[in-house]
């Protein structure tokens, strides 16, 4: 339980993939104009990251080192295809709304990063929780950004109107500059909150 607690804290706060490691920001910028889009994308990433890490950990002792990256990519691709088929079958409107970004989960460096940094050296169960919590940390930041973008850009939260009729939507918030603006604020806040913590790693 102690190990799982430490994994949870790292995934959600100390090593959060977006505001601490600066990973996966392409999709963070692309899908955060609506909270529902962000939630589905986040849950999808949690599914792929958790099961990919679990699978990579299970076969790590049987995977030749010189082809491990190809094997990891194949595993990740399989779970992304399953996710894509599920969305097209049961949530077709959401599948259309997310467009190519579901398929691009394959290239999300969060997933490959966890497979390499954690799953290759730890047990399947711990690797699964590591993947899920990293996905959870990613999802929480997506929802935080999407809350303000949707609220100020449309006057809604999860599609429900919450702002008065007299409210004038901030068109900027549903455009790409609004996403950059909100992400910058999130990173700025995190840098100030954790300025004495060396747990985060910044990557391009």
C-alpha atoms as a PDB file:
ATOM      1  CA  UNK A   1       0.000   0.000   0.000  1.00  0.00           C
ATOM      2  CA  UNK A   2       2.872   2.370   0.736  1.00  0.00           C
ATOM      3  CA  UNK A   3       4.308   1.847  -2.744  1.00  0.00           C
ATOM      4  CA  UNK A   4       0.904   2.492  -4.344  1.00  0.00           C
ATOM      5  CA  UNK A   5       0.481   5.664  -2.270  1.00  0.00           C
ATOM      6  CA  UNK A   6       3.886   6.933  -3.412  1.00  0.00           C
ATOM      7  CA  UNK A   7       3.016   6.131  -7.040  1.00  0.00           C
ATOM      8  CA  UNK A   8      -0.262   8.033  -6.678  1.00  0.00           C
ATOM      9  CA  UNK A   9       1.405  11.127  -5.221  1.00  0.00           C
ATOM     10  CA  UNK A  10       4.067  11.122  -7.923  1.00  0.00           C
ATOM     11  CA  UNK A  11       1.626  10.618 -10.772  1.00  0.00           C
ATOM     12  CA  UNK A  12      -0.848  13.260  -9.667  1.00  0.00           C
ATOM     13  CA  UNK A  13       1.439  15.894  -8.138  1.00  0.00           C
ATOM     14  CA  UNK A  14       5.204  15.441  -7.867  1.00  0.00           C
ATOM     15  CA  UNK A  15       5.812  14.050 -11.371  1.00  0.00           C
ATOM     16  CA  UNK A  16       2.602  15.180 -13.037  1.00  0.00           C
ATOM     17  CA  UNK A  17       3.195  14.593 -16.762  1.00  0.00           C
ATOM     18  CA  UNK A  18       1.888  17.999 -17.867  1.00  0.00           C
ATOM     19  CA  UNK A  19       2.931  20.638 -15.364  1.00  0.00           C
ATOM     20  CA  UNK A  20       6.035  18.877 -13.993  1.00  0.00           C
ATOM     21  CA  UNK A  21       7.431  16.916 -16.949  1.00  0.00           C
ATOM     22  CA  UNK A  22       5.864  19.017 -19.737  1.00  0.00           C
ATOM     23  CA  UNK A  23       4.732  15.898 -21.627  1.00  0.00           C
ATOM     24  CA  UNK A  24       1.602  15.251 -23.653  1.00  0.00           C
ATOM     25  CA  UNK A  25       0.844  18.931 -24.136  1.00  0.00           C
ATOM     26  CA  UNK A  26      -0.255  18.608 -27.783  1.00  0.00           C
ATOM     27  CA  UNK A  27      -3.468  16.818 -26.849  1.00  0.00           C
ATOM     28  CA  UNK A  28      -3.769  19.008 -23.756  1.00  0.00           C
ATOM     29  CA  UNK A  29      -3.961  22.026 -26.028  1.00  0.00           C
ATOM     30  CA  UNK A  30      -6.132  20.386 -28.674  1.00  0.00           C
ATOM     31  CA  UNK A  31      -9.053  18.856 -26.750  1.00  0.00           C
ATOM     32  CA  UNK A  32      -9.508  21.183 -23.775  1.00  0.00           C
ATOM     33  CA  UNK A  33     -12.098  23.480 -25.326  1.00  0.00           C
ATOM     34  CA  UNK A  34     -14.800  21.213 -23.837  1.00  0.00           C
ATOM     35  CA  UNK A  35     -14.733  19.319 -20.545  1.00  0.00           C
ATOM     36  CA  UNK A  36     -16.404  16.202 -21.954  1.00  0.00           C
ATOM     37  CA  UNK A  37     -13.761  15.931 -24.662  1.00  0.00           C
ATOM     38  CA  UNK A  38     -11.051  16.281 -22.020  1.00  0.00           C
ATOM     39  CA  UNK A  39     -12.638  13.669 -19.769  1.00  0.00           C
ATOM     40  CA  UNK A  40     -12.941  11.080 -22.540  1.00  0.00           C
ATOM     41  CA  UNK A  41      -9.402  11.749 -23.751  1.00  0.00           C
ATOM     42  CA  UNK A  42      -8.091  11.477 -20.198  1.00  0.00           C
ATOM     43  CA  UNK A  43      -9.917   8.210 -19.514  1.00  0.00           C
ATOM     44  CA  UNK A  44      -8.651   6.865 -22.819  1.00  0.00           C
ATOM     45  CA  UNK A  45      -5.080   7.727 -21.911  1.00  0.00           C
ATOM     46  CA  UNK A  46      -5.472   6.118 -18.484  1.00  0.00           C
ATOM     47  CA  UNK A  47      -6.730   2.932 -20.168  1.00  0.00           C
ATOM     48  CA  UNK A  48      -3.872   2.812 -22.664  1.00  0.00           C
ATOM     49  CA  UNK A  49      -1.118   3.835 -20.238  1.00  0.00           C
ATOM     50  CA  UNK A  50      -2.202   1.480 -17.471  1.00  0.00           C
ATOM     51  CA  UNK A  51      -2.624  -1.611 -19.645  1.00  0.00           C
ATOM     52  CA  UNK A  52       0.437  -0.869 -21.774  1.00  0.00           C
ATOM     53  CA  UNK A  53       2.632  -0.582 -18.678  1.00  0.00           C
ATOM     54  CA  UNK A  54       1.090  -3.751 -17.249  1.00  0.00           C
ATOM     55  CA  UNK A  55       1.742  -5.707 -20.461  1.00  0.00           C
ATOM     56  CA  UNK A  56       5.275  -4.377 -20.941  1.00  0.00           C
ATOM     57  CA  UNK A  57       6.114  -5.298 -17.342  1.00  0.00           C
ATOM     58  CA  UNK A  58       4.711  -8.818 -17.780  1.00  0.00           C
ATOM     59  CA  UNK A  59       6.911  -9.608 -20.782  1.00  0.00           C
ATOM     60  CA  UNK A  60       9.960  -7.478 -19.883  1.00  0.00           C
ATOM     61  CA  UNK A  61      12.125 -10.491 -19.026  1.00  0.00           C
ATOM     62  CA  UNK A  62      11.353 -12.130 -22.360  1.00  0.00           C
ATOM     63  CA  UNK A  63      11.774  -9.046 -24.560  1.00  0.00           C
ATOM     64  CA  UNK A  64      15.189  -8.654 -26.224  1.00  0.00           C
ATOM     65  CA  UNK A  65      16.680  -5.285 -25.329  1.00  0.00           C
ATOM     66  CA  UNK A  66      17.416  -4.302 -28.939  1.00  0.00           C
ATOM     67  CA  UNK A  67      13.741  -4.536 -29.996  1.00  0.00           C
ATOM     68  CA  UNK A  68      12.022  -3.450 -26.779  1.00  0.00           C
ATOM     69  CA  UNK A  69      10.999  -0.049 -28.214  1.00  0.00           C
ATOM     70  CA  UNK A  70       9.293  -1.705 -31.183  1.00  0.00           C
ATOM     71  CA  UNK A  71       7.534  -4.162 -28.886  1.00  0.00           C
ATOM     72  CA  UNK A  72       6.335  -1.326 -26.650  1.00  0.00           C
ATOM     73  CA  UNK A  73       5.025   0.610 -29.666  1.00  0.00           C
ATOM     74  CA  UNK A  74       3.165  -2.484 -30.878  1.00  0.00           C
ATOM     75  CA  UNK A  75       1.575  -2.994 -27.456  1.00  0.00           C
ATOM     76  CA  UNK A  76       0.560   0.661 -27.171  1.00  0.00           C
ATOM     77  CA  UNK A  77      -0.868   0.595 -30.710  1.00  0.00           C
ATOM     78  CA  UNK A  78      -3.002  -2.450 -29.901  1.00  0.00           C
ATOM     79  CA  UNK A  79      -4.634  -0.760 -26.915  1.00  0.00           C
ATOM     80  CA  UNK A  80      -5.150   2.488 -28.841  1.00  0.00           C
ATOM     81  CA  UNK A  81      -6.900   0.548 -31.618  1.00  0.00           C
ATOM     82  CA  UNK A  82      -9.172  -1.087 -29.028  1.00  0.00           C
ATOM     83  CA  UNK A  83      -9.979   2.351 -27.588  1.00  0.00           C
ATOM     84  CA  UNK A  84     -10.630   3.813 -31.038  1.00  0.00           C
ATOM     85  CA  UNK A  85     -12.966   0.936 -31.992  1.00  0.00           C
ATOM     86  CA  UNK A  86     -14.842   1.302 -28.694  1.00  0.00           C
ATOM     87  CA  UNK A  87     -15.386   5.049 -29.208  1.00  0.00           C
ATOM     88  CA  UNK A  88     -16.525   4.588 -32.805  1.00  0.00           C
ATOM     89  CA  UNK A  89     -18.937   1.838 -31.776  1.00  0.00           C
ATOM     90  CA  UNK A  90     -20.428   3.291 -28.602  1.00  0.00           C
ATOM     91  CA  UNK A  91     -19.587   7.030 -28.653  1.00  0.00           C
ATOM     92  CA  UNK A  92     -19.515   7.964 -32.355  1.00  0.00           C
ATOM     93  CA  UNK A  93     -20.127  11.669 -31.738  1.00  0.00           C
ATOM     94  CA  UNK A  94     -17.250  11.811 -29.270  1.00  0.00           C
ATOM     95  CA  UNK A  95     -15.047   9.876 -31.681  1.00  0.00           C
ATOM     96  CA  UNK A  96     -15.737  12.500 -34.359  1.00  0.00           C
ATOM     97  CA  UNK A  97     -15.172  15.355 -31.904  1.00  0.00           C
ATOM     98  CA  UNK A  98     -11.768  14.030 -30.851  1.00  0.00           C
ATOM     99  CA  UNK A  99     -10.875  13.304 -34.463  1.00  0.00           C
ATOM    100  CA  UNK A 100      -7.281  12.176 -35.041  1.00  0.00           C
ATOM    101  CA  UNK A 101      -6.197  12.809 -31.460  1.00  0.00           C
ATOM    102  CA  UNK A 102      -7.324   9.356 -30.306  1.00  0.00           C
ATOM    103  CA  UNK A 103      -5.002   7.725 -32.838  1.00  0.00           C
ATOM    104  CA  UNK A 104      -2.220  10.080 -31.842  1.00  0.00           C
ATOM    105  CA  UNK A 105      -2.266   8.620 -28.323  1.00  0.00           C
ATOM    106  CA  UNK A 106       0.177   6.112 -29.826  1.00  0.00           C
ATOM    107  CA  UNK A 107       2.761   8.900 -30.091  1.00  0.00           C
ATOM    108  CA  UNK A 108       2.040  10.339 -26.654  1.00  0.00           C
ATOM    109  CA  UNK A 109       5.402  10.423 -24.900  1.00  0.00           C
ATOM    110  CA  UNK A 110       3.760   9.889 -21.494  1.00  0.00           C
ATOM    111  CA  UNK A 111       2.962   6.269 -22.382  1.00  0.00           C
ATOM    112  CA  UNK A 112       6.332   5.356 -23.839  1.00  0.00           C
ATOM    113  CA  UNK A 113       8.026   7.228 -21.005  1.00  0.00           C
ATOM    114  CA  UNK A 114       6.268   5.147 -18.337  1.00  0.00           C
ATOM    115  CA  UNK A 115       6.975   1.906 -20.206  1.00  0.00           C
ATOM    116  CA  UNK A 116      10.683   2.760 -20.339  1.00  0.00           C
ATOM    117  CA  UNK A 117      11.130   4.466 -16.979  1.00  0.00           C
ATOM    118  CA  UNK A 118       8.938   2.262 -14.790  1.00  0.00           C
ATOM    119  CA  UNK A 119       7.390  -0.816 -16.396  1.00  0.00           C
ATOM    120  CA  UNK A 120      10.744  -2.158 -17.595  1.00  0.00           C
ATOM    121  CA  UNK A 121      11.982  -2.349 -14.011  1.00  0.00           C
ATOM    122  CA  UNK A 122       8.935  -3.071 -11.841  1.00  0.00           C
ATOM    123  CA  UNK A 123       6.197  -5.633 -11.296  1.00  0.00           C
ATOM    124  CA  UNK A 124       3.051  -5.680 -13.474  1.00  0.00           C
ATOM    125  CA  UNK A 125       0.680  -4.530 -10.714  1.00  0.00           C
ATOM    126  CA  UNK A 126       2.829  -1.573  -9.684  1.00  0.00           C
ATOM    127  CA  UNK A 127       3.394  -0.725 -13.341  1.00  0.00           C
ATOM    128  CA  UNK A 128      -0.351  -0.754 -13.945  1.00  0.00           C
ATOM    129  CA  UNK A 129      -0.968   1.647 -11.059  1.00  0.00           C
ATOM    130  CA  UNK A 130       1.900   3.843 -12.220  1.00  0.00           C
ATOM    131  CA  UNK A 131       0.373   4.093 -15.687  1.00  0.00           C
ATOM    132  CA  UNK A 132      -3.118   4.779 -14.373  1.00  0.00           C
ATOM    133  CA  UNK A 133      -1.996   7.473 -11.927  1.00  0.00           C
ATOM    134  CA  UNK A 134       0.109   9.209 -14.577  1.00  0.00           C
ATOM    135  CA  UNK A 135      -2.980   9.188 -16.759  1.00  0.00           C
ATOM    136  CA  UNK A 136      -5.020  10.499 -13.846  1.00  0.00           C
ATOM    137  CA  UNK A 137      -2.600  13.378 -13.318  1.00  0.00           C
ATOM    138  CA  UNK A 138      -2.861  14.167 -17.024  1.00  0.00           C
ATOM    139  CA  UNK A 139      -6.675  14.004 -16.907  1.00  0.00           C
ATOM    140  CA  UNK A 140      -6.947  16.303 -13.895  1.00  0.00           C
ATOM    141  CA  UNK A 141      -4.941  19.028 -15.618  1.00  0.00           C
ATOM    142  CA  UNK A 142      -6.946  18.619 -18.829  1.00  0.00           C
ATOM    143  CA  UNK A 143     -10.176  19.043 -16.878  1.00  0.00           C
ATOM    144  CA  UNK A 144      -8.809  22.049 -14.982  1.00  0.00           C
ATOM    145  CA  UNK A 145      -7.866  23.801 -18.219  1.00  0.00           C
ATOM    146  CA  UNK A 146     -11.088  22.753 -19.954  1.00  0.00           C
ATOM    147  CA  UNK A 147     -13.235  24.027 -17.073  1.00  0.00           C
ATOM    148  CA  UNK A 148     -12.090  27.608 -17.551  1.00  0.00           C
ATOM    149  CA  UNK A 149     -11.981  27.407 -21.346  1.00  0.00           C
ATOM    150  CA  UNK A 150     -15.502  26.025 -21.639  1.00  0.00           C
ATOM    151  CA  UNK A 151     -16.903  28.258 -18.911  1.00  0.00           C
ATOM    152  CA  UNK A 152     -15.491  31.470 -20.352  1.00  0.00           C
ATOM    153  CA  UNK A 153     -15.727  30.443 -24.003  1.00  0.00           C
ATOM    154  CA  UNK A 154     -19.233  28.951 -24.053  1.00  0.00           C
ATOM    155  CA  UNK A 155     -20.703  29.754 -20.643  1.00  0.00           C
ATOM    156  CA  UNK A 156     -21.199  26.046 -20.000  1.00  0.00           C
ATOM    157  CA  UNK A 157     -19.746  23.235 -17.872  1.00  0.00           C
ATOM    158  CA  UNK A 158     -20.007  19.728 -19.343  1.00  0.00           C
ATOM    159  CA  UNK A 159     -22.476  21.210 -21.842  1.00  0.00           C
ATOM    160  CA  UNK A 160     -24.827  22.633 -19.198  1.00  0.00           C
ATOM    161  CA  UNK A 161     -25.437  26.386 -19.321  1.00  0.00           C
ATOM    162  CA  UNK A 162     -24.251  27.960 -16.073  1.00  0.00           C
ATOM    163  CA  UNK A 163     -23.581  31.559 -17.066  1.00  0.00           C
ATOM    164  CA  UNK A 164     -26.436  34.088 -17.345  1.00  0.00           C
ATOM    165  CA  UNK A 165     -27.862  34.995 -20.752  1.00  0.00           C
ATOM    166  CA  UNK A 166     -26.220  38.397 -20.478  1.00  0.00           C
ATOM    167  CA  UNK A 167     -22.778  36.754 -20.412  1.00  0.00           C
ATOM    168  CA  UNK A 168     -20.569  37.560 -23.397  1.00  0.00           C
ATOM    169  CA  UNK A 169     -18.447  34.529 -24.343  1.00  0.00           C
ATOM    170  CA  UNK A 170     -14.687  35.013 -24.526  1.00  0.00           C
ATOM    171  CA  UNK A 171     -14.055  33.716 -28.037  1.00  0.00           C
ATOM    172  CA  UNK A 172     -10.315  33.744 -27.350  1.00  0.00           C
ATOM    173  CA  UNK A 173     -10.719  30.965 -24.776  1.00  0.00           C
ATOM    174  CA  UNK A 174     -12.002  28.404 -27.297  1.00  0.00           C
ATOM    175  CA  UNK A 175      -9.242  29.239 -29.771  1.00  0.00           C
ATOM    176  CA  UNK A 176      -5.662  27.838 -29.638  1.00  0.00           C
ATOM    177  CA  UNK A 177      -4.268  30.969 -27.898  1.00  0.00           C
ATOM    178  CA  UNK A 178      -6.687  30.347 -25.021  1.00  0.00           C
ATOM    179  CA  UNK A 179      -5.239  26.872 -24.539  1.00  0.00           C
ATOM    180  CA  UNK A 180      -1.673  28.207 -24.510  1.00  0.00           C
ATOM    181  CA  UNK A 181      -2.708  30.919 -22.068  1.00  0.00           C
ATOM    182  CA  UNK A 182      -4.303  28.462 -19.626  1.00  0.00           C
ATOM    183  CA  UNK A 183      -1.467  25.942 -19.895  1.00  0.00           C
ATOM    184  CA  UNK A 184       1.034  28.707 -19.201  1.00  0.00           C
ATOM    185  CA  UNK A 185      -0.877  29.670 -16.055  1.00  0.00           C
ATOM    186  CA  UNK A 186      -0.959  26.041 -14.869  1.00  0.00           C
ATOM    187  CA  UNK A 187       2.801  25.637 -15.369  1.00  0.00           C
ATOM    188  CA  UNK A 188       3.511  29.010 -13.719  1.00  0.00           C
ATOM    189  CA  UNK A 189       1.415  28.055 -10.666  1.00  0.00           C
ATOM    190  CA  UNK A 190       3.099  24.656 -10.399  1.00  0.00           C
ATOM    191  CA  UNK A 191       6.585  26.150 -10.662  1.00  0.00           C
ATOM    192  CA  UNK A 192       5.798  28.458  -7.766  1.00  0.00           C
ATOM    193  CA  UNK A 193       4.167  25.765  -5.655  1.00  0.00           C
ATOM    194  CA  UNK A 194       6.997  23.280  -6.192  1.00  0.00           C
ATOM    195  CA  UNK A 195       9.967  25.614  -6.644  1.00  0.00           C
ATOM    196  CA  UNK A 196      11.841  23.896  -3.808  1.00  0.00           C
ATOM    197  CA  UNK A 197      10.978  20.411  -5.051  1.00  0.00           C
ATOM    198  CA  UNK A 198      13.412  18.851  -7.517  1.00  0.00           C
ATOM    199  CA  UNK A 199      11.069  15.953  -8.324  1.00  0.00           C
ATOM    200  CA  UNK A 200       9.930  17.354 -11.655  1.00  0.00           C
ATOM    201  CA  UNK A 201      11.801  16.856 -14.911  1.00  0.00           C
ATOM    202  CA  UNK A 202      11.319  19.204 -17.823  1.00  0.00           C
ATOM    203  CA  UNK A 203      11.326  17.695 -21.297  1.00  0.00           C
ATOM    204  CA  UNK A 204      10.654  19.073 -24.737  1.00  0.00           C
END
